[in-house]
Protein backbone atom coordinates (compact mmCIF):
# COMPACT_ATOMS: atom_id res chain seq x y z
CA UNK A 1 112.26 77.99 94.65
CA UNK A 2 115.03 75.43 94.45
CA UNK A 3 117.49 76.13 91.64
CA UNK A 4 117.73 73.04 89.16
CA UNK A 5 120.05 74.79 86.77
CA UNK A 6 122.92 72.26 87.91
CA UNK A 7 120.74 69.25 88.56
CA UNK A 8 122.02 66.32 86.47
CA UNK A 9 118.60 64.46 86.57
CA UNK A 10 116.93 63.90 83.12
CA UNK A 11 113.35 64.50 82.51
CA UNK A 12 111.56 63.70 79.21
CA UNK A 13 109.14 66.43 77.99
CA UNK A 14 106.51 66.87 75.36
CA UNK A 15 104.77 70.02 73.81
CA UNK A 16 101.43 68.63 72.86
CA UNK A 17 99.48 70.46 70.14
CA UNK A 18 96.45 69.78 68.12
CA UNK A 19 98.63 69.33 64.93
CA UNK A 20 102.07 67.98 66.33
CA UNK A 21 103.60 66.42 69.29
CA UNK A 22 107.07 68.01 69.90
CA UNK A 23 109.48 65.71 72.02
CA UNK A 24 112.50 66.60 73.77
CA UNK A 25 114.20 66.21 77.19
CA UNK A 26 115.65 68.48 79.91
CA UNK A 27 118.63 68.51 82.14
CA UNK A 28 119.73 71.34 84.40
CA UNK A 29 117.13 73.57 82.78
CA UNK A 30 118.52 72.86 79.18
CA UNK A 31 117.32 70.71 76.41
CA UNK A 32 119.78 67.66 76.05
CA UNK A 33 118.33 66.13 72.83
CA UNK A 34 117.45 68.13 69.58
CA UNK A 35 113.55 68.27 69.65
CA UNK A 36 111.51 66.54 66.84
CA UNK A 37 107.85 66.60 66.03
CA UNK A 38 105.43 63.89 65.06
CA UNK A 39 101.86 64.11 63.82
CA UNK A 40 99.52 64.30 66.96
CA UNK A 41 96.74 62.25 65.09
CA UNK A 42 94.36 64.27 67.17
CA UNK A 43 91.22 62.58 65.88
CA UNK A 44 92.31 58.86 66.07
CA UNK A 45 93.32 57.67 69.75
CA UNK A 46 95.16 54.45 68.91
CA UNK A 47 97.42 56.21 66.51
CA UNK A 48 98.06 59.17 68.75
CA UNK A 49 98.80 57.07 71.87
CA UNK A 50 101.21 55.07 69.56
CA UNK A 51 102.95 58.30 68.47
CA UNK A 52 103.43 59.18 72.15
CA UNK A 53 105.09 56.00 72.98
CA UNK A 54 107.22 56.14 69.75
CA UNK A 55 108.40 59.85 70.46
CA UNK A 56 109.35 59.12 74.17
CA UNK A 57 111.02 55.85 73.09
CA UNK A 58 113.15 57.88 70.44
CA UNK A 59 113.94 60.53 73.16
CA UNK A 60 114.99 57.75 75.74
CA UNK A 61 117.48 56.20 73.09
CA UNK A 62 119.23 59.54 72.80
CA UNK A 63 119.61 60.45 76.40
CA UNK A 64 123.03 60.93 78.06
CA UNK A 65 121.63 59.46 81.19
CA UNK A 66 118.67 57.34 82.47
CA UNK A 67 115.64 59.56 82.79
CA UNK A 68 114.02 60.09 86.10
CA UNK A 69 110.50 61.11 84.92
CA UNK A 70 108.11 62.38 82.25
CA UNK A 71 106.65 65.67 82.51
CA UNK A 72 104.81 67.81 80.04
CA UNK A 73 101.99 70.12 79.34
CA UNK A 74 98.72 68.67 77.80
CA UNK A 75 95.58 70.69 76.92
CA UNK A 76 92.81 70.99 79.29
CA UNK A 77 90.08 69.79 80.50
CA UNK A 78 91.66 67.14 82.50
CA UNK A 79 92.28 65.67 85.85
CA UNK A 80 95.92 66.63 86.00
CA UNK A 81 96.35 65.06 89.54
CA UNK A 82 95.70 61.56 88.13
CA UNK A 83 96.69 62.00 84.70
CA UNK A 84 93.42 61.75 83.07
CA UNK A 85 92.80 63.60 79.88
CA UNK A 86 89.01 64.56 79.80
CA UNK A 87 88.36 66.29 76.54
CA UNK A 88 90.52 68.87 75.01
CA UNK A 89 88.90 70.74 71.99
CA UNK A 90 91.97 70.50 69.82
CA UNK A 91 92.68 66.80 70.47
CA UNK A 92 89.02 65.27 70.04
CA UNK A 93 90.28 61.70 70.27
CA UNK A 94 90.91 62.11 74.03
CA UNK A 95 87.91 61.64 75.97
CA UNK A 96 88.54 60.24 79.52
CA UNK A 97 91.87 58.82 78.66
CA UNK A 98 94.07 57.65 81.51
CA UNK A 99 97.18 59.08 79.87
CA UNK A 100 99.60 59.55 82.71
CA UNK A 101 98.98 55.77 84.23
CA UNK A 102 99.53 54.45 80.54
CA UNK A 103 102.91 56.27 80.25
CA UNK A 104 103.98 55.21 83.61
CA UNK A 105 103.10 51.47 82.73
CA UNK A 106 104.99 51.69 79.34
CA UNK A 107 108.21 53.52 80.64
CA UNK A 108 108.28 52.66 84.39
CA UNK A 109 108.79 56.31 85.01
CA UNK A 110 106.69 58.95 87.27
CA UNK A 111 104.71 60.90 84.72
CA UNK A 112 103.45 64.48 85.56
CA UNK A 113 100.91 66.25 83.27
CA UNK A 114 99.90 69.94 83.76
CA UNK A 115 98.19 72.78 82.16
CA UNK A 116 100.49 74.95 79.79
CA UNK A 117 99.64 78.13 81.68
CA UNK A 118 100.55 76.39 84.92
CA UNK A 119 103.94 75.26 83.80
CA UNK A 120 104.73 78.75 82.17
CA UNK A 121 104.25 80.40 85.50
CA UNK A 122 106.30 77.77 87.20
CA UNK A 123 109.07 78.07 84.71
CA UNK A 124 109.21 81.81 85.21
CA UNK A 125 109.21 81.31 88.90
CA UNK A 126 111.94 78.86 88.81
CA UNK A 127 114.31 80.54 86.46
CA UNK A 128 112.81 83.56 84.78
CA UNK A 129 110.81 86.51 85.90
CA UNK A 130 110.69 85.87 89.62
CA UNK A 131 114.47 85.50 90.29
CA UNK A 132 114.99 88.22 87.74
CA UNK A 133 113.13 90.71 89.81
CA UNK A 134 114.46 89.57 93.09
CA UNK A 135 118.01 89.84 91.71
CA UNK A 136 117.36 93.45 90.66
CA UNK A 137 115.81 94.24 94.40
CA UNK A 138 118.88 92.64 95.83
CA UNK A 139 121.48 94.61 93.67
CA UNK A 140 119.41 97.82 94.44
CA UNK A 141 119.94 97.25 98.19
CA UNK A 142 116.27 96.73 98.84
CA UNK A 143 115.05 94.32 101.62
CA UNK A 144 111.92 93.60 99.46
CA UNK A 145 111.64 90.08 97.98
CA UNK A 146 108.76 88.25 96.11
CA UNK A 147 107.63 84.63 96.55
CA UNK A 148 104.42 84.62 94.70
CA UNK A 149 103.95 84.88 90.95
CA UNK A 150 100.85 85.05 88.62
CA UNK A 151 101.53 83.99 84.96
CA UNK A 152 99.35 85.21 81.94
CA UNK A 153 99.53 83.92 78.45
CA UNK A 154 98.07 85.92 75.60
CA UNK A 155 97.65 84.15 72.30
CA UNK A 156 94.93 82.06 70.85
CA UNK A 157 93.44 82.10 74.38
CA UNK A 158 93.83 83.73 77.66
CA UNK A 159 95.74 81.45 80.16
CA UNK A 160 96.87 81.72 83.63
CA UNK A 161 99.14 79.95 86.27
CA UNK A 162 99.57 80.53 89.98
CA UNK A 163 102.78 80.04 91.92
CA UNK A 164 102.67 80.43 95.58
CA UNK A 165 105.86 80.44 97.90
CA UNK A 166 107.53 78.11 95.44
CA UNK A 167 104.54 75.73 94.85
CA UNK A 168 102.37 75.39 91.99
CA UNK A 169 98.85 76.11 92.94
CA UNK A 170 96.61 73.54 90.81
CA UNK A 171 93.36 73.76 92.84
CA UNK A 172 91.26 70.83 93.96
CA UNK A 173 89.78 70.15 90.61
CA UNK A 174 92.98 70.94 88.55
CA UNK A 175 91.33 74.21 87.25
CA UNK A 176 92.98 76.95 89.21
CA UNK A 177 94.02 80.04 87.30
CA UNK A 178 91.22 79.67 84.75
CA UNK A 179 91.32 83.43 83.92
CA UNK A 180 89.72 83.03 80.44
CA UNK A 181 86.37 82.42 82.42
CA UNK A 182 86.45 85.68 84.19
CA UNK A 183 84.07 88.34 83.11
CA UNK A 184 84.82 90.68 80.07
CA UNK A 185 84.93 94.27 81.63
CA UNK A 186 82.74 95.80 78.78
CA UNK A 187 80.30 92.86 78.20
CA UNK A 188 79.38 91.30 81.43
CA UNK A 189 77.81 88.29 79.66
CA UNK A 190 80.96 87.61 77.85
CA UNK A 191 84.18 85.87 79.12
CA UNK A 192 87.39 87.82 79.35
CA UNK A 193 89.07 85.78 76.71
CA UNK A 194 87.00 87.53 73.95
CA UNK A 195 88.70 90.68 74.88
CA UNK A 196 92.22 89.44 75.52
CA UNK A 197 93.27 87.00 72.64
CA UNK A 198 94.25 87.03 69.05
CA UNK A 199 90.77 87.09 67.75
CA UNK A 200 90.15 90.08 70.26
CA UNK A 201 92.85 92.12 68.75
CA UNK A 202 91.49 91.29 65.24
CA UNK A 203 88.06 92.06 66.21
CA UNK A 204 88.50 95.53 67.71
CA UNK A 205 90.73 96.42 64.65
CA UNK A 206 88.11 95.31 62.23
CA UNK A 207 85.46 97.19 64.33
CA UNK A 208 87.55 100.55 64.31
CA UNK A 209 88.65 100.19 60.63
CA UNK A 210 85.31 99.42 59.32
CA UNK A 211 86.18 95.88 57.99
CA UNK A 212 84.81 92.52 58.24
CA UNK A 213 86.34 90.28 60.96
CA UNK A 214 87.43 87.81 58.23
CA UNK A 215 89.30 90.64 56.37
CA UNK A 216 91.34 91.77 59.64
CA UNK A 217 94.99 90.98 59.64
CA UNK A 218 96.72 88.88 62.24
CA UNK A 219 98.12 90.88 65.50
CA UNK A 220 101.59 90.77 64.14
CA UNK A 221 100.56 92.98 61.17
CA UNK A 222 98.17 94.84 63.27
CA UNK A 223 101.33 95.65 65.45
CA UNK A 224 103.27 96.71 62.45
CA UNK A 225 100.46 99.09 61.33
CA UNK A 226 100.22 100.75 64.86
CA UNK A 227 104.08 101.29 64.67
CA UNK A 228 103.59 102.89 61.33
CA UNK A 229 105.75 100.26 59.56
CA UNK A 230 102.75 98.77 57.49
CA UNK A 231 99.84 100.36 55.61
CA UNK A 232 96.56 100.19 57.38
CA UNK A 233 94.41 102.17 59.91
CA UNK A 234 96.93 103.09 62.50
CA UNK A 235 94.60 104.57 65.09
CA UNK A 236 92.49 101.33 64.72
CA UNK A 237 95.48 99.20 65.39
CA UNK A 238 96.51 101.15 68.37
CA UNK A 239 93.09 100.98 69.86
CA UNK A 240 92.94 97.17 69.32
CA UNK A 241 96.14 96.75 71.50
CA UNK A 242 94.99 99.53 74.11
CA UNK A 243 91.57 97.77 74.46
CA UNK A 244 93.33 94.40 74.97
CA UNK A 245 95.54 95.94 77.56
CA UNK A 246 92.51 97.31 79.52
CA UNK A 247 90.74 93.90 79.51
CA UNK A 248 93.77 91.89 80.72
CA UNK A 249 94.55 94.64 83.17
CA UNK A 250 91.08 94.22 84.77
CA UNK A 251 91.68 90.39 84.90
CA UNK A 252 95.20 90.77 86.51
CA UNK A 253 93.53 93.35 89.09
CA UNK A 254 91.13 90.82 90.25
CA UNK A 255 93.86 88.12 90.48
CA UNK A 256 96.26 90.44 92.24
CA UNK A 257 93.56 91.30 94.78
CA UNK A 258 93.67 87.68 95.87
CA UNK A 259 97.12 86.56 95.21
CA UNK A 260 99.36 89.52 95.94
CA UNK A 261 102.44 88.73 93.86
CA UNK A 262 104.31 89.72 90.67
CA UNK A 263 102.50 89.16 87.44
CA UNK A 264 104.52 87.86 84.35
CA UNK A 265 103.02 87.85 80.83
CA UNK A 266 103.96 85.37 77.81
CA UNK A 267 102.29 84.10 74.87
CA UNK A 268 102.61 85.54 71.24
CA UNK A 269 100.71 88.69 71.87
CA UNK A 270 103.31 89.45 74.57
CA UNK A 271 105.80 90.75 71.74
CA UNK A 272 103.44 93.86 71.42
CA UNK A 273 103.71 94.75 74.98
CA UNK A 274 104.61 98.24 74.76
CA UNK A 275 101.18 98.79 73.00
CA UNK A 276 99.19 97.32 75.64
CA UNK A 277 101.02 97.04 78.91
CA UNK A 278 100.66 100.79 79.96
CA UNK A 279 96.93 100.35 79.41
CA UNK A 280 97.01 97.23 81.65
CA UNK A 281 98.91 98.76 84.45
CA UNK A 282 96.71 101.98 84.31
CA UNK A 283 93.63 99.59 84.81
CA UNK A 284 95.21 98.03 87.66
CA UNK A 285 95.99 101.26 89.34
CA UNK A 286 92.38 102.48 88.55
CA UNK A 287 89.88 103.54 91.50
CA UNK A 288 86.65 102.80 92.75
CA UNK A 289 84.03 105.36 93.76
CA UNK A 290 82.53 105.29 97.26
CA UNK A 291 78.76 106.00 97.76
CA UNK A 292 79.77 109.36 99.26
CA UNK A 293 81.58 110.20 95.95
CA UNK A 294 85.15 109.63 97.24
CA UNK A 295 87.59 107.75 95.08
CA UNK A 296 89.91 105.04 96.32
CA UNK A 297 92.47 102.80 94.59
CA UNK A 298 90.97 99.45 93.52
CA UNK A 299 94.17 97.74 94.81
CA UNK A 300 95.91 97.85 98.05
CA UNK A 301 99.21 97.76 96.17
CA UNK A 302 100.60 100.09 93.80
CA UNK A 303 101.39 98.52 90.54
CA UNK A 304 104.46 99.16 88.21
CA UNK A 305 105.23 98.49 84.69
CA UNK A 306 108.70 96.88 84.99
CA UNK A 307 109.38 97.27 81.23
CA UNK A 308 109.26 101.06 81.79
CA UNK A 309 112.71 102.21 83.02
CA UNK A 310 111.48 104.98 84.99
CA UNK A 311 108.87 103.01 86.81
CA UNK A 312 111.30 100.14 87.35
CA UNK A 313 113.53 102.63 89.08
CA UNK A 314 110.91 103.54 91.48
CA UNK A 315 109.87 100.08 92.08
CA UNK A 316 113.37 99.03 93.05
CA UNK A 317 113.96 102.05 95.33
CA UNK A 318 110.65 101.59 97.22
CA UNK A 319 110.44 103.61 100.66
CA UNK A 320 112.91 101.82 102.74
CA UNK A 321 113.77 103.43 106.02
CA UNK A 322 115.00 102.46 109.39
CA UNK A 323 112.66 102.28 112.51
CA UNK A 324 113.70 102.25 116.13
CA UNK A 325 112.33 99.41 118.12
CA UNK A 326 110.37 100.94 121.27
CA UNK A 327 112.13 100.44 124.42
CA UNK A 328 115.24 99.21 122.63
CA UNK A 329 118.37 100.65 120.91
CA UNK A 330 117.78 98.08 118.12
CA UNK A 331 116.71 99.38 114.56
CA UNK A 332 114.90 97.46 111.85
CA UNK A 333 114.75 98.11 108.12
CA UNK A 334 111.33 98.64 106.61
CA UNK A 335 110.12 99.20 103.04
CA UNK A 336 106.71 100.96 103.39
CA UNK A 337 105.64 100.91 99.75
CA UNK A 338 103.29 98.03 99.18
CA UNK A 339 103.81 97.33 95.50
CA UNK A 340 103.85 94.80 92.85
CA UNK A 341 105.08 94.67 89.33
CA UNK A 342 104.09 93.53 85.78
CA UNK A 343 106.53 92.55 83.06
CA UNK A 344 107.16 90.20 80.25
CA UNK A 345 108.73 86.65 80.17
CA UNK A 346 112.48 86.53 80.56
CA UNK A 347 112.68 83.12 79.16
CA UNK A 348 110.07 83.01 76.33
CA UNK A 349 106.79 80.99 76.47
CA UNK A 350 108.11 77.79 75.19
CA UNK A 351 111.32 77.68 77.22
CA UNK A 352 109.48 78.88 80.34
CA UNK A 353 107.08 76.02 79.91
CA UNK A 354 109.69 73.33 79.42
CA UNK A 355 111.67 74.46 82.48
CA UNK A 356 108.47 74.50 84.28
CA UNK A 357 107.82 70.97 83.40
CA UNK A 358 111.36 70.07 84.41
CA UNK A 359 111.27 71.92 87.57
CA UNK A 360 107.78 70.48 88.58
CA UNK A 361 108.77 66.86 88.06
CA UNK A 362 111.88 67.22 90.15
CA UNK A 363 110.17 69.18 92.91
CA UNK A 364 107.60 66.14 93.13
CA UNK A 365 110.46 63.59 93.14
CA UNK A 366 112.10 65.49 95.93
CA UNK A 367 109.29 65.35 97.89
């Protein structure tokens, strides 16, 4: 991917939530104005649209240079190609609203709207996890490099984003990477998000601790209980995160079967990665049973936990060797270990999403 860290072009950005709209602008992968928030007026379309115009106008007035575009994440469902917001649950006023064209008319700027999971993945591919891993491989003397990245966000919901060879893969209906709709491994009539989200961690903790769901603490406190730093049911807390790891690992294995790239995890729950990432990687490295009883790996690639120093060392080393070209004195270097790695956001979810919005806008302008 192109490196935009020294690009002088300015793009106005927005973090759109059901309660507040947070406005900012990016230049060279960094904010150039202090962000500020305005009420989203989620249930009143006219007031909400006025808020958007007011916010971007305030940003524009503070910029060091004229903006080249507007780019931001907005909740789905939406037709992101055409900038049409179809009907997000947390912004009920938006029903078939041509938001992108409206902002283009108001500001005379190209306007790009995407899903937050997509932009998170794109930001990590542009300036986060993907260049981080490739840099480690280069310094280790490995010939291996990665060009594809699958992004997973764990929080209120389960989100996904796909970057293939430097391009954000959106899909024909703007719904690529909707992994929240995969099946739950242990409940095939339930979607995976119910096993890989904030409410999933609380639900399993409540079940194992003998509590009502409403009495279960938030994942941050459950993490402290699992670590022995807060009172509570420690075994139940550990199992809540292990179960989440198993479910999200199953989802990532299915995605990796198709995508064959690195996997990066973000979102609020990612802070507890040491409690769930080993289970997720173990699930990806699990096996299937053939009719004759033989077992074989569920993935063609070996999966490594890149947050574990010992696994990272093996991942970076690979199995590099020199091969003689038949009929020639020439030799070629070859890494025979088919592998991928899973790790945690190097930028933080919010920063990755902002950089993703910035990079996506500039990549589209450059085309």
